[in-house]
């Protein structure tokens, strides 16, 4: 999945399922035939995507994460399932990332998750028409303040200066 494809896939899902902000992930998981479980996972693991059956996926999320982190993890793992399902198609098999593919696949899934939870046009509209306060926007989209800051920087709505964002 290229980054452009990841963004387009997120837009298509938003359009096809008529999703509104904040994105209702439970509704989306149901429509996509993806089950979700919350479990105690190793500290460095936010979530895992698996195939349960040919037409069904499973996301396991680290229950020890804050709710906004869980939302991003769920969206990220949806990206893996939609993109990498052929690699997940053997029932019960976990798609393990190797050093060769890990960085690119993880970044693509992050791009998908960011676009799904914080769609470009919705963020731009909210920033200009609702609030330019990062925490207010994070609350509106139900994402972490850090995720929203990164998204605003990606969209060039704010500029990073020595680790501090200032409005353009």
C-alpha atoms as a PDB file:
ATOM      1  CA  UNK A   1       0.000   0.000   0.000  1.00  0.00           C
ATOM      2  CA  UNK A   2       1.428   3.347  -0.925  1.00  0.00           C
ATOM      3  CA  UNK A   3       0.719   6.352   1.251  1.00  0.00           C
ATOM      4  CA  UNK A   4      -1.560   7.769  -1.454  1.00  0.00           C
ATOM      5  CA  UNK A   5      -3.452   4.472  -1.644  1.00  0.00           C
ATOM      6  CA  UNK A   6      -3.724   4.389   2.164  1.00  0.00           C
ATOM      7  CA  UNK A   7      -5.314   7.843   2.156  1.00  0.00           C
ATOM      8  CA  UNK A   8      -7.669   6.987  -0.716  1.00  0.00           C
ATOM      9  CA  UNK A   9      -8.723   3.769   1.004  1.00  0.00           C
ATOM     10  CA  UNK A  10      -9.581   5.710   4.170  1.00  0.00           C
ATOM     11  CA  UNK A  11     -11.593   8.259   2.149  1.00  0.00           C
ATOM     12  CA  UNK A  12     -13.434   5.438   0.359  1.00  0.00           C
ATOM     13  CA  UNK A  13     -14.386   3.799   3.653  1.00  0.00           C
ATOM     14  CA  UNK A  14     -15.589   7.111   5.088  1.00  0.00           C
ATOM     15  CA  UNK A  15     -17.702   7.701   1.982  1.00  0.00           C
ATOM     16  CA  UNK A  16     -18.971   4.123   1.524  1.00  0.00           C
ATOM     17  CA  UNK A  17     -20.110   3.829   5.143  1.00  0.00           C
ATOM     18  CA  UNK A  18     -21.194   7.477   5.462  1.00  0.00           C
ATOM     19  CA  UNK A  19     -19.005   7.930   8.536  1.00  0.00           C
ATOM     20  CA  UNK A  20     -19.173  11.107  10.602  1.00  0.00           C
ATOM     21  CA  UNK A  21     -16.733  12.688  13.037  1.00  0.00           C
ATOM     22  CA  UNK A  22     -15.825  11.234  15.454  1.00  0.00           C
ATOM     23  CA  UNK A  23     -15.565   7.982  13.510  1.00  0.00           C
ATOM     24  CA  UNK A  24     -17.676   5.222  15.069  1.00  0.00           C
ATOM     25  CA  UNK A  25     -15.148   2.387  15.058  1.00  0.00           C
ATOM     26  CA  UNK A  26     -17.556  -0.180  16.530  1.00  0.00           C
ATOM     27  CA  UNK A  27     -19.947   0.416  13.627  1.00  0.00           C
ATOM     28  CA  UNK A  28     -17.097   0.229  11.116  1.00  0.00           C
ATOM     29  CA  UNK A  29     -15.694  -2.987  12.593  1.00  0.00           C
ATOM     30  CA  UNK A  30     -19.135  -4.564  12.345  1.00  0.00           C
ATOM     31  CA  UNK A  31     -19.525  -3.496   8.703  1.00  0.00           C
ATOM     32  CA  UNK A  32     -16.044  -4.797   7.843  1.00  0.00           C
ATOM     33  CA  UNK A  33     -16.610  -8.149   9.615  1.00  0.00           C
ATOM     34  CA  UNK A  34     -13.754  -7.542  12.021  1.00  0.00           C
ATOM     35  CA  UNK A  35     -14.003  -8.695  15.619  1.00  0.00           C
ATOM     36  CA  UNK A  36     -12.177  -6.961  18.445  1.00  0.00           C
ATOM     37  CA  UNK A  37     -10.774  -8.225  21.720  1.00  0.00           C
ATOM     38  CA  UNK A  38      -8.970  -6.402  24.501  1.00  0.00           C
ATOM     39  CA  UNK A  39      -6.157  -8.276  26.210  1.00  0.00           C
ATOM     40  CA  UNK A  40      -3.046  -7.839  28.292  1.00  0.00           C
ATOM     41  CA  UNK A  41      -0.302  -7.653  25.671  1.00  0.00           C
ATOM     42  CA  UNK A  42       3.434  -7.084  26.069  1.00  0.00           C
ATOM     43  CA  UNK A  43       4.242  -3.460  26.933  1.00  0.00           C
ATOM     44  CA  UNK A  44       5.626  -2.648  23.473  1.00  0.00           C
ATOM     45  CA  UNK A  45       2.606  -4.094  21.630  1.00  0.00           C
ATOM     46  CA  UNK A  46      -0.395  -1.833  21.004  1.00  0.00           C
ATOM     47  CA  UNK A  47      -2.351  -4.293  18.886  1.00  0.00           C
ATOM     48  CA  UNK A  48      -2.322  -7.310  16.601  1.00  0.00           C
ATOM     49  CA  UNK A  49      -4.252  -8.043  13.396  1.00  0.00           C
ATOM     50  CA  UNK A  50      -5.196 -11.640  12.551  1.00  0.00           C
ATOM     51  CA  UNK A  51      -7.398 -13.524  10.141  1.00  0.00           C
ATOM     52  CA  UNK A  52      -9.969 -15.740  11.815  1.00  0.00           C
ATOM     53  CA  UNK A  53     -11.708 -16.893   8.664  1.00  0.00           C
ATOM     54  CA  UNK A  54     -11.391 -15.994   5.011  1.00  0.00           C
ATOM     55  CA  UNK A  55     -14.039 -13.298   5.362  1.00  0.00           C
ATOM     56  CA  UNK A  56     -13.427 -12.208   8.941  1.00  0.00           C
ATOM     57  CA  UNK A  57     -10.624 -10.453  10.763  1.00  0.00           C
ATOM     58  CA  UNK A  58      -9.693 -10.063  14.400  1.00  0.00           C
ATOM     59  CA  UNK A  59      -7.972  -7.184  16.119  1.00  0.00           C
ATOM     60  CA  UNK A  60      -6.501  -7.677  19.572  1.00  0.00           C
ATOM     61  CA  UNK A  61      -5.838  -4.404  21.392  1.00  0.00           C
ATOM     62  CA  UNK A  62      -3.689  -3.803  24.450  1.00  0.00           C
ATOM     63  CA  UNK A  63      -6.248  -3.076  27.161  1.00  0.00           C
ATOM     64  CA  UNK A  64      -3.697  -1.058  29.152  1.00  0.00           C
ATOM     65  CA  UNK A  65      -3.637   1.840  26.687  1.00  0.00           C
ATOM     66  CA  UNK A  66      -5.658   5.070  27.001  1.00  0.00           C
ATOM     67  CA  UNK A  67      -8.914   5.091  25.014  1.00  0.00           C
ATOM     68  CA  UNK A  68      -7.602   7.542  22.407  1.00  0.00           C
ATOM     69  CA  UNK A  69      -4.573   5.296  21.831  1.00  0.00           C
ATOM     70  CA  UNK A  70      -6.846   2.267  21.491  1.00  0.00           C
ATOM     71  CA  UNK A  71      -8.840   4.115  18.805  1.00  0.00           C
ATOM     72  CA  UNK A  72      -5.709   4.858  16.792  1.00  0.00           C
ATOM     73  CA  UNK A  73      -4.522   1.265  17.236  1.00  0.00           C
ATOM     74  CA  UNK A  74      -7.865  -0.105  16.012  1.00  0.00           C
ATOM     75  CA  UNK A  75      -7.775   2.153  12.938  1.00  0.00           C
ATOM     76  CA  UNK A  76      -4.129   1.179  12.329  1.00  0.00           C
ATOM     77  CA  UNK A  77      -4.932  -2.547  12.538  1.00  0.00           C
ATOM     78  CA  UNK A  78      -7.945  -2.096  10.225  1.00  0.00           C
ATOM     79  CA  UNK A  79      -5.429  -0.710   7.727  1.00  0.00           C
ATOM     80  CA  UNK A  80      -3.299  -3.832   8.072  1.00  0.00           C
ATOM     81  CA  UNK A  81      -6.288  -6.138   7.613  1.00  0.00           C
ATOM     82  CA  UNK A  82      -7.632  -4.319   4.558  1.00  0.00           C
ATOM     83  CA  UNK A  83      -4.239  -4.066   2.910  1.00  0.00           C
ATOM     84  CA  UNK A  84      -2.473  -7.224   3.977  1.00  0.00           C
ATOM     85  CA  UNK A  85      -5.418  -9.624   4.125  1.00  0.00           C
ATOM     86  CA  UNK A  86      -3.882 -11.937   1.462  1.00  0.00           C
ATOM     87  CA  UNK A  87      -0.996 -12.497   3.871  1.00  0.00           C
ATOM     88  CA  UNK A  88      -3.481 -13.113   6.674  1.00  0.00           C
ATOM     89  CA  UNK A  89      -5.700 -15.508   4.777  1.00  0.00           C
ATOM     90  CA  UNK A  90      -4.570 -18.735   6.433  1.00  0.00           C
ATOM     91  CA  UNK A  91      -6.909 -19.116   9.374  1.00  0.00           C
ATOM     92  CA  UNK A  92      -5.281 -18.401  12.699  1.00  0.00           C
ATOM     93  CA  UNK A  93      -2.069 -17.122  11.160  1.00  0.00           C
ATOM     94  CA  UNK A  94      -0.584 -13.876  12.403  1.00  0.00           C
ATOM     95  CA  UNK A  95       1.098 -11.660   9.825  1.00  0.00           C
ATOM     96  CA  UNK A  96       4.516 -11.054  11.310  1.00  0.00           C
ATOM     97  CA  UNK A  97       6.496  -8.105  10.104  1.00  0.00           C
ATOM     98  CA  UNK A  98      10.128  -8.605   9.262  1.00  0.00           C
ATOM     99  CA  UNK A  99      12.784  -5.945   9.556  1.00  0.00           C
ATOM    100  CA  UNK A 100      12.572  -5.547   5.769  1.00  0.00           C
ATOM    101  CA  UNK A 101       8.849  -4.781   5.635  1.00  0.00           C
ATOM    102  CA  UNK A 102       8.029  -3.526   9.108  1.00  0.00           C
ATOM    103  CA  UNK A 103       8.778   0.166   8.734  1.00  0.00           C
ATOM    104  CA  UNK A 104       6.926   0.677   5.457  1.00  0.00           C
ATOM    105  CA  UNK A 105       3.885  -1.410   6.457  1.00  0.00           C
ATOM    106  CA  UNK A 106       3.665   0.295   9.833  1.00  0.00           C
ATOM    107  CA  UNK A 107       3.917   3.771   8.293  1.00  0.00           C
ATOM    108  CA  UNK A 108       1.244   2.922   5.696  1.00  0.00           C
ATOM    109  CA  UNK A 109      -1.076   1.698   8.451  1.00  0.00           C
ATOM    110  CA  UNK A 110      -0.392   4.915  10.404  1.00  0.00           C
ATOM    111  CA  UNK A 111      -1.232   7.034   7.341  1.00  0.00           C
ATOM    112  CA  UNK A 112      -4.458   5.066   6.881  1.00  0.00           C
ATOM    113  CA  UNK A 113      -5.378   5.447  10.570  1.00  0.00           C
ATOM    114  CA  UNK A 114      -4.657   9.185  10.581  1.00  0.00           C
ATOM    115  CA  UNK A 115      -6.752   9.738   7.455  1.00  0.00           C
ATOM    116  CA  UNK A 116      -9.596   7.589   8.767  1.00  0.00           C
ATOM    117  CA  UNK A 117      -9.788   9.213  12.205  1.00  0.00           C
ATOM    118  CA  UNK A 118      -8.719  12.714  11.147  1.00  0.00           C
ATOM    119  CA  UNK A 119      -9.771  13.149   7.496  1.00  0.00           C
ATOM    120  CA  UNK A 120      -7.847  15.925   5.771  1.00  0.00           C
ATOM    121  CA  UNK A 121     -10.806  18.116   4.790  1.00  0.00           C
ATOM    122  CA  UNK A 122     -12.596  17.639   8.116  1.00  0.00           C
ATOM    123  CA  UNK A 123      -9.481  18.646  10.060  1.00  0.00           C
ATOM    124  CA  UNK A 124      -8.855  21.684   7.858  1.00  0.00           C
ATOM    125  CA  UNK A 125     -12.496  22.783   8.206  1.00  0.00           C
ATOM    126  CA  UNK A 126     -12.496  22.257  11.970  1.00  0.00           C
ATOM    127  CA  UNK A 127      -9.181  24.085  12.360  1.00  0.00           C
ATOM    128  CA  UNK A 128     -10.356  27.151  10.443  1.00  0.00           C
ATOM    129  CA  UNK A 129     -14.029  27.151  11.377  1.00  0.00           C
ATOM    130  CA  UNK A 130     -14.214  25.658  14.847  1.00  0.00           C
ATOM    131  CA  UNK A 131     -10.986  25.919  16.811  1.00  0.00           C
ATOM    132  CA  UNK A 132      -7.245  26.117  16.331  1.00  0.00           C
ATOM    133  CA  UNK A 133      -6.656  24.683  19.812  1.00  0.00           C
ATOM    134  CA  UNK A 134      -4.959  21.293  19.493  1.00  0.00           C
ATOM    135  CA  UNK A 135      -6.643  19.769  22.557  1.00  0.00           C
ATOM    136  CA  UNK A 136     -10.100  20.945  21.453  1.00  0.00           C
ATOM    137  CA  UNK A 137      -9.537  19.375  18.025  1.00  0.00           C
ATOM    138  CA  UNK A 138      -8.161  16.179  19.590  1.00  0.00           C
ATOM    139  CA  UNK A 139     -11.289  15.908  21.725  1.00  0.00           C
ATOM    140  CA  UNK A 140     -13.539  16.563  18.716  1.00  0.00           C
ATOM    141  CA  UNK A 141     -11.914  13.774  16.673  1.00  0.00           C
ATOM    142  CA  UNK A 142     -11.367  11.527  19.737  1.00  0.00           C
ATOM    143  CA  UNK A 143      -7.632  11.175  19.204  1.00  0.00           C
ATOM    144  CA  UNK A 144      -4.665  12.013  21.391  1.00  0.00           C
ATOM    145  CA  UNK A 145      -3.276  15.521  21.509  1.00  0.00           C
ATOM    146  CA  UNK A 146      -0.016  14.140  20.101  1.00  0.00           C
ATOM    147  CA  UNK A 147      -1.798  12.483  17.148  1.00  0.00           C
ATOM    148  CA  UNK A 148      -3.669  15.705  16.392  1.00  0.00           C
ATOM    149  CA  UNK A 149      -0.489  17.792  16.625  1.00  0.00           C
ATOM    150  CA  UNK A 150       1.246  15.456  14.165  1.00  0.00           C
ATOM    151  CA  UNK A 151      -1.757  15.586  11.824  1.00  0.00           C
ATOM    152  CA  UNK A 152      -1.868  19.396  11.930  1.00  0.00           C
ATOM    153  CA  UNK A 153       1.855  19.489  11.167  1.00  0.00           C
ATOM    154  CA  UNK A 154       1.399  17.052   8.251  1.00  0.00           C
ATOM    155  CA  UNK A 155      -1.340  19.283   6.872  1.00  0.00           C
ATOM    156  CA  UNK A 156       0.920  22.318   7.372  1.00  0.00           C
ATOM    157  CA  UNK A 157      -1.664  24.007   9.566  1.00  0.00           C
ATOM    158  CA  UNK A 158       0.906  24.399  12.315  1.00  0.00           C
ATOM    159  CA  UNK A 159       4.672  24.507  12.223  1.00  0.00           C
ATOM    160  CA  UNK A 160       6.981  22.570  14.520  1.00  0.00           C
ATOM    161  CA  UNK A 161       9.526  24.852  16.173  1.00  0.00           C
ATOM    162  CA  UNK A 162      12.020  23.214  18.519  1.00  0.00           C
ATOM    163  CA  UNK A 163       9.393  20.612  19.374  1.00  0.00           C
ATOM    164  CA  UNK A 164       6.744  23.260  20.006  1.00  0.00           C
ATOM    165  CA  UNK A 165       3.971  23.852  17.506  1.00  0.00           C
ATOM    166  CA  UNK A 166       3.113  27.398  16.543  1.00  0.00           C
ATOM    167  CA  UNK A 167       0.224  28.404  14.345  1.00  0.00           C
ATOM    168  CA  UNK A 168       1.001  29.471  10.796  1.00  0.00           C
END
